[in-house]
Amino acid sequence: MDRNLAINLVRVTEAAALGASRYLGRGDKNIADQAAVDGMRKMFDTIDIDGVVVIGEGEMDEAPMLYIGESIGSCCKGAIKVDIAVDPLDGTNCVAKGLPNAIAVVALAPKGCLLNAPDMYMDKIAVGPKAKGVVNLDNSVIENLKILSEVLNKSMDDLTVTMLDRERHEKLIRECRNAGVRIKLFNEGDIGAAMATCFEHTGIDMMIGIGGAPEGVLAAAAIKCMGGDFQGRLVPNDEERKRCIDMGIDPDKLLTMEDLVKGNEVYFAATGITEGDFLKGVVYKGNKTVQTHSVVMRSETGTIRFIETIHKLDKKPSYAK
């Protein structure tokens, strides 16, 4: 695929971040999310691709834009056919309450390479490059921690594990505490939390626990670009289990990185909306000038670029609203 797609994807996540950031701390997560969707969708129309949304804002009858199955891009003759996964605002409450770690996210791969994950829960484990191929979701927590301790050359009490702060994780939290590891809980944004395992400066060694399945695919796309590892298994209720079977998905299968994101032509981009562990938030500098901080990755080359952009809103009227 054309490597210039990388910078175009950053423009997409920047547009979403600029839209959502207008509503920082205003208490309305829905309007912030809609602004992110509007910005992202509008920018997609300028990109020379023939794309289909495989992970988006919901089914056609649930979302007016960026719905699953929607055609995306200029779709001109000869445009490359791609799968697109989006989360225009990962961390809606973070924006509404002015809390950290909200990001806008896009992943892109050749047609048929991104799992069309149903909107349900997924049990997940994510680690960085040094632990690739050594941990397993089917291991006990203590088994994985012992493996991590050995491959990272860290004592157990130097390891840091992160997971969503949810009642369903009480057993996981207790097991981690009993093992003596450090725990960092978060309230929203498990795409960014999974990615943090691949950046040593975050101090996060492993993410575990149950979160959204669509977010799992997006996290896997990012981690594949960074050389880390990700596994998941769907956690459906009875109705969702039937839906999985109807979609041809084995609800009990351990989903490896290759199941979630096939091949080695994956692009991933994210822009910070609020200040985060590895991306800065949108900063309004006055005089209609705004600064964004993004990351864009390409799995084929392993390139990871951090991009700081100064936007002149008086020259971008659509962003100034």
Protein backbone atom coordinates (compact mmCIF):
# COMPACT_ATOMS: atom_id res chain seq x y z
CA MET A 1 0.00 0.00 0.00
CA ASP A 2 1.02 3.60 -0.55
CA ARG A 3 3.09 4.79 2.40
CA ASN A 4 1.57 8.27 2.00
CA LEU A 5 -1.58 6.78 3.53
CA ALA A 6 0.11 7.16 6.91
CA ILE A 7 0.11 10.96 6.91
CA ASN A 8 -3.43 11.02 5.52
CA LEU A 9 -4.62 8.86 8.41
CA VAL A 10 -3.09 11.36 10.83
CA ARG A 11 -5.19 14.07 9.22
CA VAL A 12 -8.25 11.90 9.93
CA THR A 13 -7.48 11.46 13.64
CA GLU A 14 -6.48 15.13 13.98
CA ALA A 15 -9.87 16.17 12.60
CA ALA A 16 -11.65 13.94 15.13
CA ALA A 17 -9.50 15.21 18.01
CA LEU A 18 -10.03 18.85 17.09
CA GLY A 19 -13.79 18.32 16.94
CA ALA A 20 -14.05 16.51 20.28
CA SER A 21 -11.64 18.82 22.11
CA ARG A 22 -14.08 21.73 21.79
CA TYR A 23 -16.23 19.99 24.42
CA LEU A 24 -13.55 19.30 27.01
CA GLY A 25 -15.05 19.23 30.49
CA ARG A 26 -18.50 20.34 29.36
CA GLY A 27 -20.19 17.23 30.74
CA ASP A 28 -21.74 15.97 27.50
CA LYS A 29 -19.97 12.87 26.18
CA ASN A 30 -22.47 12.41 23.34
CA ILE A 31 -21.87 15.79 21.73
CA ALA A 32 -18.11 15.32 22.05
CA ASP A 33 -18.36 11.91 20.38
CA GLN A 34 -20.54 13.29 17.59
CA ALA A 35 -18.07 16.10 16.93
CA ALA A 36 -15.28 13.54 16.64
CA VAL A 37 -17.34 11.43 14.23
CA ASP A 38 -18.23 14.46 12.10
CA GLY A 39 -14.61 15.58 11.82
CA MET A 40 -13.30 12.10 11.04
CA ARG A 41 -15.97 11.32 8.43
CA LYS A 42 -15.46 14.58 6.58
CA MET A 43 -11.69 14.08 6.36
CA PHE A 44 -12.07 10.48 5.11
CA ASP A 45 -13.82 11.83 2.00
CA THR A 46 -10.56 13.47 0.91
CA ILE A 47 -8.49 10.25 0.95
CA ASP A 48 -7.91 8.20 -2.20
CA ILE A 49 -9.09 4.81 -0.93
CA ASP A 50 -12.01 2.47 -1.51
CA GLY A 51 -12.68 1.56 2.09
CA VAL A 52 -15.34 -0.22 4.12
CA VAL A 53 -15.86 0.32 7.84
CA VAL A 54 -15.55 -3.04 9.60
CA ILE A 55 -15.41 -1.56 13.10
CA GLY A 56 -17.24 1.68 13.67
CA GLU A 57 -19.95 3.48 15.56
CA GLY A 58 -22.47 0.65 15.28
CA GLU A 59 -24.83 -0.86 12.76
CA MET A 60 -26.43 1.22 10.01
CA ASP A 61 -29.64 1.73 11.99
CA GLU A 62 -27.66 2.81 15.09
CA ALA A 63 -25.24 5.33 13.57
CA PRO A 64 -25.74 7.89 10.80
CA MET A 65 -22.02 7.98 9.98
CA LEU A 66 -19.04 5.62 10.28
CA TYR A 67 -21.44 2.71 10.64
CA ILE A 68 -20.31 -0.86 9.98
CA GLY A 69 -20.44 -1.52 6.24
CA GLU A 70 -20.26 2.15 5.23
CA SER A 71 -18.13 2.98 2.18
CA ILE A 72 -15.31 5.38 3.01
CA GLY A 73 -12.90 7.44 0.90
CA SER A 74 -13.00 9.00 -2.54
CA CYS A 75 -13.54 5.53 -4.08
CA CYS A 76 -12.15 6.75 -7.40
CA LYS A 77 -11.19 4.29 -10.13
CA GLY A 78 -8.17 2.22 -9.15
CA ALA A 79 -8.32 3.18 -5.45
CA ILE A 80 -7.00 0.48 -3.12
CA LYS A 81 -9.67 -1.60 -1.37
CA VAL A 82 -9.19 -1.54 2.41
CA ASP A 83 -10.80 -2.43 5.72
CA ILE A 84 -11.12 0.45 8.16
CA ALA A 85 -11.54 0.31 11.94
CA VAL A 86 -12.32 3.53 13.78
CA ASP A 87 -12.91 4.84 17.25
CA PRO A 88 -13.33 8.59 16.77
CA LEU A 89 -13.32 9.11 20.53
CA ASP A 90 -11.90 6.40 22.78
CA GLY A 91 -12.69 7.80 26.21
CA THR A 92 -15.92 9.77 25.85
CA ASN A 93 -16.26 10.36 29.61
CA CYS A 94 -12.63 11.46 29.76
CA VAL A 95 -13.45 14.36 27.44
CA ALA A 96 -16.76 15.14 29.13
CA LYS A 97 -15.06 15.33 32.54
CA GLY A 98 -11.70 16.73 31.41
CA LEU A 99 -9.84 13.56 32.43
CA PRO A 100 -6.68 12.08 30.83
CA ASN A 101 -6.12 9.54 28.05
CA ALA A 102 -8.86 10.27 25.50
CA ILE A 103 -7.66 9.61 21.94
CA ALA A 104 -8.99 9.44 18.37
CA VAL A 105 -8.02 6.22 16.59
CA VAL A 106 -7.97 4.72 13.08
CA ALA A 107 -6.57 1.45 11.73
CA LEU A 108 -6.42 0.47 8.05
CA ALA A 109 -5.45 -2.77 6.30
CA PRO A 110 -6.08 -4.49 2.95
CA LYS A 111 -9.61 -5.79 2.42
CA GLY A 112 -10.34 -8.86 4.54
CA CYS A 113 -7.48 -8.33 6.98
CA LEU A 114 -9.26 -6.80 10.00
CA LEU A 115 -11.58 -8.97 12.08
CA ASN A 116 -15.13 -7.67 11.98
CA ALA A 117 -15.41 -8.01 15.75
CA PRO A 118 -18.97 -7.99 17.07
CA ASP A 119 -19.84 -5.34 19.63
CA MET A 120 -19.46 -7.37 22.80
CA TYR A 121 -16.91 -7.99 25.53
CA MET A 122 -13.49 -9.51 24.97
CA ASP A 123 -11.00 -10.91 27.47
CA LYS A 124 -7.57 -9.47 26.57
CA ILE A 125 -3.88 -9.56 27.27
CA ALA A 126 -1.34 -7.14 25.81
CA VAL A 127 2.43 -6.93 26.23
CA GLY A 128 5.34 -5.13 24.62
CA PRO A 129 7.96 -6.45 22.16
CA LYS A 130 10.23 -8.02 24.81
CA ALA A 131 7.40 -10.33 25.89
CA LYS A 132 6.12 -11.20 22.42
CA GLY A 133 5.19 -14.86 22.09
CA VAL A 134 5.78 -15.79 25.72
CA VAL A 135 2.57 -14.92 27.59
CA ASN A 136 -0.76 -16.55 26.90
CA LEU A 137 -4.35 -15.66 27.77
CA ASP A 138 -4.93 -19.28 28.79
CA ASN A 139 -2.21 -19.10 31.44
CA SER A 140 -3.09 -18.11 34.98
CA VAL A 141 -2.25 -14.53 35.99
CA ILE A 142 0.61 -15.72 38.19
CA GLU A 143 2.05 -17.83 35.36
CA ASN A 144 2.13 -14.84 33.04
CA LEU A 145 3.61 -12.61 35.73
CA LYS A 146 6.41 -15.10 36.40
CA ILE A 147 7.18 -15.26 32.67
CA LEU A 148 7.18 -11.46 32.42
CA SER A 149 9.45 -11.16 35.43
CA GLU A 150 11.97 -13.45 33.74
CA VAL A 151 11.92 -12.03 30.19
CA LEU A 152 11.89 -8.39 31.33
CA ASN A 153 14.53 -9.01 33.99
CA LYS A 154 12.34 -7.37 36.62
CA SER A 155 11.51 -8.58 40.08
CA MET A 156 7.84 -9.30 40.66
CA ASP A 157 7.39 -6.15 42.75
CA ASP A 158 8.83 -4.05 39.90
CA LEU A 159 6.22 -5.21 37.39
CA THR A 160 3.27 -2.93 36.60
CA VAL A 161 -0.05 -4.32 35.36
CA THR A 162 -2.91 -2.18 34.11
CA MET A 163 -6.63 -2.97 33.76
CA LEU A 164 -10.02 -1.30 33.73
CA ASP A 165 -11.33 -0.36 37.16
CA ARG A 166 -14.39 -2.59 37.07
CA GLU A 167 -16.11 -4.90 39.56
CA ARG A 168 -15.62 -7.81 37.16
CA HIS A 169 -11.86 -7.50 37.69
CA GLU A 170 -11.88 -7.92 41.48
CA LYS A 171 -10.39 -11.43 41.21
CA LEU A 172 -7.65 -10.25 38.83
CA ILE A 173 -6.81 -7.34 41.10
CA ARG A 174 -6.64 -9.61 44.13
CA GLU A 175 -4.35 -12.09 42.32
CA CYS A 176 -2.03 -9.30 41.20
CA ARG A 177 -1.87 -7.85 44.69
CA ASN A 178 -1.14 -11.25 46.18
CA ALA A 179 1.71 -11.63 43.67
CA GLY A 180 3.15 -8.33 44.85
CA VAL A 181 3.02 -6.49 41.51
CA ARG A 182 2.14 -2.85 41.03
CA ILE A 183 -1.32 -2.13 39.62
CA LYS A 184 -2.48 0.86 37.59
CA LEU A 185 -6.26 1.02 37.19
CA PHE A 186 -7.97 3.17 34.57
CA ASN A 187 -11.60 4.10 33.99
CA GLU A 188 -11.77 4.34 30.19
CA GLY A 189 -9.65 3.97 27.09
CA ASP A 190 -8.29 0.46 26.87
CA ILE A 191 -6.87 1.00 23.36
CA GLY A 192 -4.38 3.48 24.76
CA ALA A 193 -3.78 1.30 27.82
CA ALA A 194 -2.89 -1.69 25.63
CA MET A 195 -0.58 0.47 23.49
CA ALA A 196 1.18 1.75 26.60
CA THR A 197 2.73 -1.71 27.10
CA CYS A 198 4.87 -1.05 24.01
CA PHE A 199 6.32 2.26 25.23
CA GLU A 200 8.93 1.69 27.94
CA HIS A 201 8.61 5.21 29.34
CA THR A 202 5.03 4.46 30.47
CA GLY A 203 6.27 1.76 32.86
CA ILE A 204 3.33 -0.51 31.91
CA ASP A 205 4.38 -4.14 31.45
CA MET A 206 1.05 -5.85 30.78
CA MET A 207 -2.61 -5.04 30.24
CA ILE A 208 -5.19 -7.67 31.16
CA GLY A 209 -8.94 -7.90 31.66
CA ILE A 210 -12.26 -7.63 29.88
CA GLY A 211 -13.15 -4.70 27.63
CA GLY A 212 -14.80 -4.06 24.28
CA ALA A 213 -14.07 -6.44 21.39
CA PRO A 214 -13.91 -3.70 18.70
CA GLU A 215 -11.35 -1.85 20.81
CA GLY A 216 -9.41 -5.11 20.99
CA VAL A 217 -8.96 -5.20 17.22
CA LEU A 218 -7.81 -1.57 17.15
CA ALA A 219 -5.34 -2.23 19.96
CA ALA A 220 -4.06 -5.32 18.15
CA ALA A 221 -3.46 -3.27 14.99
CA ALA A 222 -1.37 -0.75 16.91
CA ILE A 223 0.57 -3.40 18.82
CA LYS A 224 1.29 -5.33 15.63
CA CYS A 225 2.93 -2.20 14.22
CA MET A 226 5.03 -1.87 17.39
CA GLY A 227 6.13 -5.50 17.58
CA GLY A 228 4.28 -6.39 20.77
CA ASP A 229 1.73 -9.11 21.35
CA PHE A 230 -2.02 -9.22 21.89
CA GLN A 231 -4.51 -12.05 22.43
CA GLY A 232 -8.23 -12.02 23.02
CA ARG A 233 -11.26 -14.21 23.50
CA LEU A 234 -14.86 -13.08 23.09
CA VAL A 235 -17.05 -13.09 26.20
CA PRO A 236 -20.59 -13.27 24.79
CA ASN A 237 -23.93 -13.71 26.50
CA ASP A 238 -26.36 -16.26 25.06
CA GLU A 239 -27.76 -13.89 22.44
CA GLU A 240 -24.31 -12.67 21.44
CA ARG A 241 -23.03 -16.25 21.19
CA LYS A 242 -25.69 -17.00 18.59
CA ARG A 243 -24.74 -13.86 16.70
CA CYS A 244 -21.09 -14.94 16.64
CA ILE A 245 -22.01 -18.32 15.20
CA ASP A 246 -24.24 -16.65 12.56
CA MET A 247 -21.25 -14.45 11.62
CA GLY A 248 -19.00 -17.49 11.29
CA ILE A 249 -16.95 -16.58 14.38
CA ASP A 250 -16.05 -19.21 16.97
CA PRO A 251 -16.94 -17.47 20.27
CA ASP A 252 -14.64 -19.76 22.26
CA LYS A 253 -11.52 -19.45 20.10
CA LEU A 254 -8.35 -17.88 21.45
CA LEU A 255 -7.82 -15.02 19.02
CA THR A 256 -4.17 -14.43 18.23
CA MET A 257 -2.71 -11.33 16.63
CA GLU A 258 -3.02 -12.93 13.19
CA ASP A 259 -6.70 -13.75 13.81
CA LEU A 260 -7.40 -10.14 14.71
CA VAL A 261 -5.16 -8.40 12.17
CA LYS A 262 -3.97 -10.47 9.21
CA GLY A 263 -0.82 -9.86 7.22
CA ASN A 264 1.82 -7.19 7.51
CA GLU A 265 0.32 -4.17 5.77
CA VAL A 266 -1.36 -2.44 8.68
CA TYR A 267 -1.51 1.30 9.28
CA PHE A 268 -2.49 2.83 12.61
CA ALA A 269 -2.89 6.44 13.68
CA ALA A 270 -4.00 8.10 16.92
CA THR A 271 -4.23 11.71 18.07
CA GLY A 272 -4.42 12.73 21.71
CA ILE A 273 -7.51 14.64 22.78
CA THR A 274 -6.79 14.94 26.50
CA GLU A 275 -3.33 14.64 28.06
CA GLY A 276 -2.24 11.01 28.17
CA ASP A 277 0.49 8.53 29.00
CA PHE A 278 2.11 8.74 25.57
CA LEU A 279 0.19 11.42 23.65
CA LYS A 280 -0.34 15.04 24.63
CA GLY A 281 -3.81 16.50 24.50
CA VAL A 282 -5.12 19.21 22.17
CA VAL A 283 -3.81 22.61 23.27
CA TYR A 284 -5.52 25.90 22.33
CA LYS A 285 -2.83 28.56 22.11
CA GLY A 286 -4.90 31.63 21.24
CA ASN A 287 -5.05 33.60 18.00
CA LYS A 288 -6.96 30.68 16.46
CA THR A 289 -3.93 28.41 16.81
CA VAL A 290 -4.24 24.84 18.09
CA GLN A 291 -1.58 22.17 18.63
CA THR A 292 -2.11 18.41 18.34
CA HIS A 293 0.11 15.43 19.10
CA SER A 294 -0.26 12.20 17.13
CA VAL A 295 1.38 8.86 16.48
CA VAL A 296 1.28 7.02 13.16
CA MET A 297 2.65 3.52 12.54
CA ARG A 298 3.19 1.12 9.67
CA SER A 299 3.64 -2.58 10.38
CA GLU A 300 5.52 -3.41 7.18
CA THR A 301 8.46 -1.18 8.11
CA GLY A 302 7.95 -0.95 11.87
CA THR A 303 8.12 2.83 11.57
CA ILE A 304 6.62 4.80 14.46
CA ARG A 305 6.31 8.56 13.98
CA PHE A 306 5.22 11.08 16.58
CA ILE A 307 3.86 14.22 14.96
CA GLU A 308 3.22 17.60 16.56
CA THR A 309 1.06 19.78 14.37
CA ILE A 310 0.19 23.48 14.58
CA HIS A 311 -3.24 24.19 13.11
CA LYS A 312 -4.25 27.69 11.98
CA LEU A 313 -7.99 27.59 12.44
CA ASP A 314 -8.59 30.79 10.50
CA LYS A 315 -7.22 28.89 7.47
CA LYS A 316 -9.26 25.79 8.29
CA PRO A 317 -12.78 27.20 8.74
CA SER A 318 -14.38 23.79 9.25
CA TYR A 319 -12.23 23.25 12.37
CA ALA A 320 -13.01 26.65 13.86
CA LYS A 321 -16.67 25.97 14.52
